[in-house]
C-alpha atoms as a PDB file:
ATOM      1  CA  MET A   1      92.831  75.311  41.368  1.00  0.00           C
ATOM      2  CA  ALA A   2      89.429  73.753  41.794  1.00  0.00           C
ATOM      3  CA  THR A   3      87.930  71.423  39.240  1.00  0.00           C
ATOM      4  CA  LEU A   4      84.368  71.624  37.998  1.00  0.00           C
ATOM      5  CA  ARG A   5      83.562  68.485  39.978  1.00  0.00           C
ATOM      6  CA  ALA A   6      84.997  69.980  43.198  1.00  0.00           C
ATOM      7  CA  ALA A   7      83.030  73.214  42.695  1.00  0.00           C
ATOM      8  CA  GLU A   8      79.787  71.275  42.120  1.00  0.00           C
ATOM      9  CA  LEU A   9      80.489  69.270  45.268  1.00  0.00           C
ATOM     10  CA  ALA A  10      81.121  72.463  47.270  1.00  0.00           C
ATOM     11  CA  ARG A  11      77.867  73.996  45.979  1.00  0.00           C
ATOM     12  CA  ALA A  12      75.853  70.910  46.892  1.00  0.00           C
ATOM     13  CA  ARG A  13      77.388  70.547  50.354  1.00  0.00           C
ATOM     14  CA  THR A  14      76.952  74.197  51.354  1.00  0.00           C
ATOM     15  CA  ALA A  15      73.622  75.122  49.748  1.00  0.00           C
ATOM     16  CA  GLU A  16      71.732  75.152  53.054  1.00  0.00           C
ATOM     17  CA  ARG A  17      74.472  77.137  54.759  1.00  0.00           C
ATOM     18  CA  PHE A  18      74.284  79.842  52.087  1.00  0.00           C
ATOM     19  CA  ARG A  19      70.494  79.832  52.214  1.00  0.00           C
ATOM     20  CA  GLY A  20      70.806  80.528  55.948  1.00  0.00           C
ATOM     21  CA  LEU A  21      73.054  83.485  55.157  1.00  0.00           C
ATOM     22  CA  GLY A  22      70.377  84.873  52.811  1.00  0.00           C
ATOM     23  CA  ALA A  23      71.528  83.684  49.386  1.00  0.00           C
ATOM     24  CA  HIS A  24      68.720  83.096  46.902  1.00  0.00           C
ATOM     25  CA  ALA A  25      70.814  81.307  44.258  1.00  0.00           C
ATOM     26  CA  LEU A  26      74.123  79.517  43.793  1.00  0.00           C
ATOM     27  CA  GLU A  27      75.948  78.767  40.585  1.00  0.00           C
ATOM     28  CA  VAL A  28      79.188  77.116  39.613  1.00  0.00           C
ATOM     29  CA  ALA A  29      81.239  79.243  37.239  1.00  0.00           C
ATOM     30  CA  LYS A  30      84.728  79.597  35.862  1.00  0.00           C
ATOM     31  CA  LEU A  31      86.501  82.325  37.838  1.00  0.00           C
ATOM     32  CA  GLY A  32      89.770  84.143  37.230  1.00  0.00           C
ATOM     33  CA  SER A  33      91.603  85.492  34.233  1.00  0.00           C
ATOM     34  CA  ARG A  34      92.256  84.062  30.797  1.00  0.00           C
ATOM     35  CA  THR A  35      95.677  82.785  31.810  1.00  0.00           C
ATOM     36  CA  ARG A  36      94.761  81.481  35.274  1.00  0.00           C
ATOM     37  CA  SER A  37      91.244  80.288  35.917  1.00  0.00           C
ATOM     38  CA  THR A  38      89.532  77.914  38.289  1.00  0.00           C
ATOM     39  CA  PHE A  39      85.988  76.856  39.022  1.00  0.00           C
ATOM     40  CA  GLY A  40      84.194  78.361  41.984  1.00  0.00           C
ATOM     41  CA  VAL A  41      80.790  78.986  43.552  1.00  0.00           C
ATOM     42  CA  VAL A  42      78.940  82.262  42.984  1.00  0.00           C
ATOM     43  CA  ALA A  43      76.417  83.115  45.711  1.00  0.00           C
ATOM     44  CA  TYR A  44      73.662  85.596  44.824  1.00  0.00           C
ATOM     45  CA  PHE A  45      72.203  87.814  47.543  1.00  0.00           C
ATOM     46  CA  PRO A  46      69.429  90.437  47.201  1.00  0.00           C
ATOM     47  CA  SER A  47      71.580  92.891  49.233  1.00  0.00           C
ATOM     48  CA  LYS A  48      74.889  92.902  51.068  1.00  0.00           C
ATOM     49  CA  PRO A  49      74.935  89.896  53.435  1.00  0.00           C
ATOM     50  CA  LYS A  50      74.630  90.808  57.121  1.00  0.00           C
ATOM     51  CA  LYS A  51      76.849  87.902  58.189  1.00  0.00           C
ATOM     52  CA  ALA A  52      80.313  87.066  56.915  1.00  0.00           C
ATOM     53  CA  VAL A  53      80.440  84.845  53.837  1.00  0.00           C
ATOM     54  CA  PRO A  54      83.433  82.490  53.532  1.00  0.00           C
ATOM     55  CA  LYS A  55      85.945  83.302  50.781  1.00  0.00           C
ATOM     56  CA  THR A  56      86.683  79.624  50.136  1.00  0.00           C
ATOM     57  CA  ILE A  57      85.294  76.167  50.869  1.00  0.00           C
ATOM     58  CA  GLU A  58      87.519  73.135  51.266  1.00  0.00           C
ATOM     59  CA  VAL A  59      86.157  69.849  49.912  1.00  0.00           C
ATOM     60  CA  THR A  60      87.632  66.392  49.500  1.00  0.00           C
ATOM     61  CA  ASP A  61      86.998  64.564  46.251  1.00  0.00           C
ATOM     62  CA  GLN A  62      88.495  61.112  45.718  1.00  0.00           C
ATOM     63  CA  HIS A  63      90.964  61.643  48.594  1.00  0.00           C
ATOM     64  CA  ARG A  64      92.193  64.981  47.168  1.00  0.00           C
ATOM     65  CA  LYS A  65      91.549  68.271  48.928  1.00  0.00           C
ATOM     66  CA  HIS A  66      90.367  71.190  46.816  1.00  0.00           C
ATOM     67  CA  VAL A  67      89.986  74.814  47.878  1.00  0.00           C
ATOM     68  CA  VAL A  68      86.976  76.225  46.035  1.00  0.00           C
ATOM     69  CA  PRO A  69      86.716  80.035  45.839  1.00  0.00           C
ATOM     70  CA  ILE A  70      83.436  81.791  46.665  1.00  0.00           C
ATOM     71  CA  ARG A  71      82.253  84.993  44.987  1.00  0.00           C
ATOM     72  CA  VAL A  72      79.331  87.110  46.171  1.00  0.00           C
ATOM     73  CA  LYS A  73      77.103  88.943  43.707  1.00  0.00           C
ATOM     74  CA  ILE A  74      74.239  91.260  44.571  1.00  0.00           C
ATOM     75  CA  ALA A  75      71.163  90.653  42.402  1.00  0.00           C
ATOM     76  CA  GLU A  76      67.421  90.583  42.880  1.00  0.00           C
ATOM     77  CA  PRO A  77      65.785  87.137  42.891  1.00  0.00           C
ATOM     78  CA  PHE A  78      64.420  86.002  39.562  1.00  0.00           C
ATOM     79  CA  GLU A  79      60.655  86.260  39.236  1.00  0.00           C
ATOM     80  CA  LEU A  80      58.658  84.207  36.773  1.00  0.00           C
ATOM     81  CA  GLU A  81      56.518  86.128  34.342  1.00  0.00           C
ATOM     82  CA  GLY A  82      52.911  85.219  33.719  1.00  0.00           C
ATOM     83  CA  ARG A  83      52.063  82.564  31.174  1.00  0.00           C
ATOM     84  CA  PRO A  84      51.597  83.845  27.615  1.00  0.00           C
ATOM     85  CA  GLU A  85      48.004  83.930  26.495  1.00  0.00           C
END
């Protein structure tokens, strides 16, 4: 199981890698079921990624190794609306 801190670390360390794969956003979220959950990184892509996306990322936090799961979601990038007049 990955801690929130480990998932945040994984997101920060791999942001550029995911950007290179075409991701437009990353978030840290609780993943799993009610009885067994862990924190992971959710990568948002505008369409199915052309290159393989890793299923996990291994990070070391305070001399402990954590395996952080990765989930891929397909969603259009967020666009800001115009300013209200």
